[in-house]
Amino acid sequence: MLTVGLLVILDSPSPHVMDRLRAHPAMTVGEVADRWLPVAVEADDDESCREYHDWIAAQPGVAFIDVVHVNFEEPDADSNPSPSP
């Protein structure tokens, strides 16, 4: 699982862009400040993360995207490990 923090730079604040991003189930969208919109994306792998990035970049009103944080989390083989004796 990847969690990516993005800073989406908008051409101008647009509720249409924010609504499209908020409607996407893999994205959590923060509050816009001037032309900056923070977005968190949860992806299964690097390929889907890149697809989300490209999809956001293709949205009308998006000028640029900065990647500000990436967290790689490997799935646990055993989510409830037994304590060592």
N, C-alpha and C. Protein backbone atom coordinates (compact mmCIF):
# COMPACT_ATOMS: atom_id res chain seq x y z
N MET A 1 0.85 -1.18 0.00
CA MET A 1 0.00 0.00 0.00
C MET A 1 0.89 1.24 0.00
N LEU A 2 0.55 2.17 -0.84
CA LEU A 2 1.24 3.46 -0.90
C LEU A 2 0.28 4.55 -0.45
N THR A 3 0.78 5.45 0.35
CA THR A 3 0.04 6.66 0.67
C THR A 3 0.91 7.82 0.21
N VAL A 4 0.34 8.67 -0.64
CA VAL A 4 1.09 9.76 -1.24
C VAL A 4 0.42 11.08 -0.90
N GLY A 5 1.23 12.03 -0.44
CA GLY A 5 0.75 13.38 -0.19
C GLY A 5 1.10 14.26 -1.37
N LEU A 6 0.11 14.88 -1.95
CA LEU A 6 0.30 15.74 -3.12
C LEU A 6 -0.13 17.16 -2.80
N LEU A 7 0.53 18.10 -3.43
CA LEU A 7 0.08 19.48 -3.40
C LEU A 7 -0.27 19.84 -4.84
N VAL A 8 -1.56 19.96 -5.10
CA VAL A 8 -2.06 20.25 -6.44
C VAL A 8 -2.13 21.76 -6.59
N ILE A 9 -1.44 22.27 -7.60
CA ILE A 9 -1.46 23.71 -7.87
C ILE A 9 -2.49 23.94 -8.97
N LEU A 10 -3.47 24.76 -8.66
CA LEU A 10 -4.57 25.01 -9.58
C LEU A 10 -4.31 26.26 -10.41
N ASP A 11 -4.86 26.30 -11.63
CA ASP A 11 -4.81 27.52 -12.43
C ASP A 11 -5.53 28.64 -11.70
N SER A 12 -6.66 28.28 -11.11
CA SER A 12 -7.44 29.16 -10.25
C SER A 12 -8.34 28.25 -9.42
N PRO A 13 -8.70 28.66 -8.21
CA PRO A 13 -9.58 27.81 -7.40
C PRO A 13 -10.86 27.48 -8.15
N SER A 14 -11.16 26.20 -8.25
CA SER A 14 -12.34 25.77 -8.99
C SER A 14 -13.06 24.68 -8.22
N PRO A 15 -14.32 24.91 -7.87
CA PRO A 15 -15.06 23.86 -7.17
C PRO A 15 -15.22 22.60 -8.03
N HIS A 16 -15.18 22.74 -9.35
CA HIS A 16 -15.34 21.58 -10.24
C HIS A 16 -14.17 20.61 -10.07
N VAL A 17 -12.95 21.12 -10.01
CA VAL A 17 -11.77 20.27 -9.82
C VAL A 17 -11.86 19.59 -8.47
N MET A 18 -12.15 20.34 -7.44
CA MET A 18 -12.22 19.79 -6.09
C MET A 18 -13.32 18.74 -5.98
N ASP A 19 -14.46 18.97 -6.61
CA ASP A 19 -15.56 18.00 -6.58
C ASP A 19 -15.16 16.69 -7.27
N ARG A 20 -14.47 16.78 -8.42
CA ARG A 20 -14.03 15.57 -9.13
C ARG A 20 -13.04 14.78 -8.28
N LEU A 21 -12.10 15.47 -7.64
CA LEU A 21 -11.12 14.78 -6.81
C LEU A 21 -11.77 14.18 -5.57
N ARG A 22 -12.68 14.92 -4.94
CA ARG A 22 -13.36 14.40 -3.75
C ARG A 22 -14.23 13.18 -4.06
N ALA A 23 -14.71 13.09 -5.29
CA ALA A 23 -15.56 11.96 -5.68
C ALA A 23 -14.76 10.68 -5.91
N HIS A 24 -13.45 10.80 -6.02
CA HIS A 24 -12.62 9.62 -6.27
C HIS A 24 -12.39 8.88 -4.97
N PRO A 25 -12.68 7.58 -4.91
CA PRO A 25 -12.59 6.84 -3.64
C PRO A 25 -11.18 6.68 -3.09
N ALA A 26 -10.14 6.83 -3.90
CA ALA A 26 -8.77 6.68 -3.42
C ALA A 26 -8.18 7.98 -2.91
N MET A 27 -8.94 9.08 -2.99
CA MET A 27 -8.39 10.40 -2.67
C MET A 27 -9.10 11.06 -1.50
N THR A 28 -8.29 11.70 -0.67
CA THR A 28 -8.80 12.54 0.40
C THR A 28 -8.32 13.95 0.09
N VAL A 29 -9.24 14.88 -0.01
CA VAL A 29 -8.92 16.23 -0.45
C VAL A 29 -9.07 17.20 0.72
N GLY A 30 -8.04 18.03 0.91
CA GLY A 30 -8.07 19.04 1.96
C GLY A 30 -8.76 20.31 1.49
N GLU A 31 -8.53 21.36 2.24
CA GLU A 31 -9.11 22.66 1.90
C GLU A 31 -8.15 23.46 1.02
N VAL A 32 -8.70 24.11 0.01
CA VAL A 32 -7.89 24.91 -0.89
C VAL A 32 -7.41 26.18 -0.17
N ALA A 33 -6.16 26.55 -0.42
CA ALA A 33 -5.59 27.80 0.11
C ALA A 33 -4.94 28.52 -1.06
N ASP A 34 -5.54 29.62 -1.45
CA ASP A 34 -5.10 30.36 -2.64
C ASP A 34 -5.25 29.43 -3.84
N ARG A 35 -4.15 28.95 -4.42
CA ARG A 35 -4.22 28.02 -5.57
C ARG A 35 -3.71 26.64 -5.20
N TRP A 36 -3.46 26.38 -3.92
CA TRP A 36 -2.89 25.10 -3.48
C TRP A 36 -3.96 24.23 -2.85
N LEU A 37 -3.99 22.97 -3.31
CA LEU A 37 -4.97 22.01 -2.83
C LEU A 37 -4.24 20.75 -2.36
N PRO A 38 -4.24 20.47 -1.05
CA PRO A 38 -3.59 19.24 -0.59
C PRO A 38 -4.48 18.03 -0.87
N VAL A 39 -3.85 16.95 -1.34
CA VAL A 39 -4.56 15.72 -1.66
C VAL A 39 -3.73 14.53 -1.17
N ALA A 40 -4.38 13.60 -0.50
CA ALA A 40 -3.75 12.34 -0.11
C ALA A 40 -4.34 11.25 -0.99
N VAL A 41 -3.46 10.38 -1.50
CA VAL A 41 -3.89 9.30 -2.38
C VAL A 41 -3.42 7.98 -1.78
N GLU A 42 -4.32 7.01 -1.72
CA GLU A 42 -3.96 5.66 -1.30
C GLU A 42 -4.03 4.76 -2.52
N ALA A 43 -2.92 4.07 -2.78
CA ALA A 43 -2.82 3.22 -3.96
C ALA A 43 -2.27 1.86 -3.56
N ASP A 44 -2.65 0.84 -4.33
CA ASP A 44 -2.17 -0.51 -4.07
C ASP A 44 -0.71 -0.70 -4.45
N ASP A 45 -0.27 0.00 -5.51
CA ASP A 45 1.10 -0.18 -5.98
C ASP A 45 1.54 1.06 -6.73
N ASP A 46 2.81 1.04 -7.16
CA ASP A 46 3.39 2.19 -7.86
C ASP A 46 2.65 2.50 -9.15
N GLU A 47 2.26 1.48 -9.89
CA GLU A 47 1.57 1.68 -11.16
C GLU A 47 0.25 2.43 -10.97
N SER A 48 -0.57 2.00 -10.01
CA SER A 48 -1.85 2.69 -9.79
C SER A 48 -1.62 4.09 -9.24
N CYS A 49 -0.56 4.28 -8.46
CA CYS A 49 -0.24 5.62 -7.97
C CYS A 49 0.08 6.56 -9.12
N ARG A 50 0.85 6.07 -10.08
CA ARG A 50 1.17 6.88 -11.26
C ARG A 50 -0.09 7.18 -12.09
N GLU A 51 -0.99 6.20 -12.18
CA GLU A 51 -2.24 6.43 -12.91
C GLU A 51 -3.07 7.51 -12.23
N TYR A 52 -3.15 7.50 -10.90
CA TYR A 52 -3.88 8.55 -10.17
C TYR A 52 -3.24 9.91 -10.41
N HIS A 53 -1.91 9.95 -10.35
CA HIS A 53 -1.18 11.21 -10.57
C HIS A 53 -1.50 11.76 -11.96
N ASP A 54 -1.42 10.89 -12.97
CA ASP A 54 -1.71 11.32 -14.34
C ASP A 54 -3.16 11.77 -14.50
N TRP A 55 -4.08 11.08 -13.82
CA TRP A 55 -5.49 11.44 -13.90
C TRP A 55 -5.71 12.83 -13.29
N ILE A 56 -5.10 13.09 -12.14
CA ILE A 56 -5.22 14.41 -11.52
C ILE A 56 -4.63 15.47 -12.44
N ALA A 57 -3.44 15.21 -12.98
CA ALA A 57 -2.77 16.19 -13.84
C ALA A 57 -3.59 16.52 -15.09
N ALA A 58 -4.40 15.58 -15.56
CA ALA A 58 -5.20 15.79 -16.77
C ALA A 58 -6.49 16.55 -16.50
N GLN A 59 -6.82 16.80 -15.24
CA GLN A 59 -8.07 17.49 -14.93
C GLN A 59 -7.98 18.96 -15.34
N PRO A 60 -9.02 19.49 -15.98
CA PRO A 60 -9.03 20.91 -16.33
C PRO A 60 -8.90 21.76 -15.06
N GLY A 61 -8.01 22.72 -15.11
CA GLY A 61 -7.80 23.61 -13.97
C GLY A 61 -6.58 23.25 -13.13
N VAL A 62 -5.98 22.08 -13.38
CA VAL A 62 -4.77 21.68 -12.64
C VAL A 62 -3.55 22.16 -13.42
N ALA A 63 -2.72 22.97 -12.76
CA ALA A 63 -1.52 23.51 -13.41
C ALA A 63 -0.31 22.62 -13.19
N PHE A 64 -0.18 22.06 -11.97
CA PHE A 64 1.02 21.29 -11.62
C PHE A 64 0.72 20.48 -10.37
N ILE A 65 1.51 19.41 -10.16
CA ILE A 65 1.38 18.61 -8.95
C ILE A 65 2.76 18.43 -8.34
N ASP A 66 2.89 18.76 -7.05
CA ASP A 66 4.10 18.48 -6.29
C ASP A 66 3.84 17.26 -5.42
N VAL A 67 4.77 16.31 -5.44
CA VAL A 67 4.70 15.17 -4.54
C VAL A 67 5.46 15.58 -3.28
N VAL A 68 4.77 15.63 -2.15
CA VAL A 68 5.40 16.12 -0.93
C VAL A 68 5.67 15.03 0.09
N HIS A 69 5.07 13.85 -0.11
CA HIS A 69 5.28 12.76 0.84
C HIS A 69 4.89 11.43 0.19
N VAL A 70 5.71 10.39 0.46
CA VAL A 70 5.37 9.05 0.01
C VAL A 70 5.63 8.10 1.16
N ASN A 71 4.65 7.28 1.48
CA ASN A 71 4.79 6.28 2.53
C ASN A 71 4.54 4.91 1.91
N PHE A 72 5.55 4.04 1.99
CA PHE A 72 5.44 2.67 1.50
C PHE A 72 5.15 1.79 2.69
N GLU A 73 4.07 1.05 2.63
CA GLU A 73 3.72 0.13 3.71
C GLU A 73 3.49 -1.24 3.12
N GLU A 74 4.33 -2.17 3.51
CA GLU A 74 4.16 -3.55 3.05
C GLU A 74 3.01 -4.19 3.80
N PRO A 75 2.19 -4.97 3.13
CA PRO A 75 1.12 -5.67 3.84
C PRO A 75 1.71 -6.69 4.80
N ASP A 76 1.11 -6.81 5.97
CA ASP A 76 1.57 -7.77 6.96
C ASP A 76 1.20 -9.18 6.52
N ALA A 77 2.16 -10.08 6.63
CA ALA A 77 1.87 -11.48 6.34
C ALA A 77 0.96 -12.06 7.41
N ASP A 78 1.16 -11.58 8.63
CA ASP A 78 0.35 -12.02 9.77
C ASP A 78 0.00 -10.79 10.57
N SER A 79 -1.25 -10.36 10.48
CA SER A 79 -1.63 -9.13 11.15
C SER A 79 -1.68 -9.24 12.66
N ASN A 80 -1.71 -10.46 13.19
CA ASN A 80 -1.74 -10.68 14.64
C ASN A 80 -0.61 -11.65 15.03
N PRO A 81 0.62 -11.14 15.05
CA PRO A 81 1.72 -12.06 15.37
C PRO A 81 1.62 -12.53 16.82
N SER A 82 2.06 -13.77 17.01
CA SER A 82 2.07 -14.34 18.36
C SER A 82 3.28 -13.80 19.10
N PRO A 83 3.14 -13.56 20.40
CA PRO A 83 4.29 -13.09 21.15
C PRO A 83 5.36 -14.19 21.23
N SER A 84 6.60 -13.74 21.26
CA SER A 84 7.71 -14.69 21.36
C SER A 84 7.74 -15.31 22.73
N PRO A 85 8.11 -16.62 22.83
CA PRO A 85 8.15 -17.27 24.14
C PRO A 85 9.31 -16.79 24.96
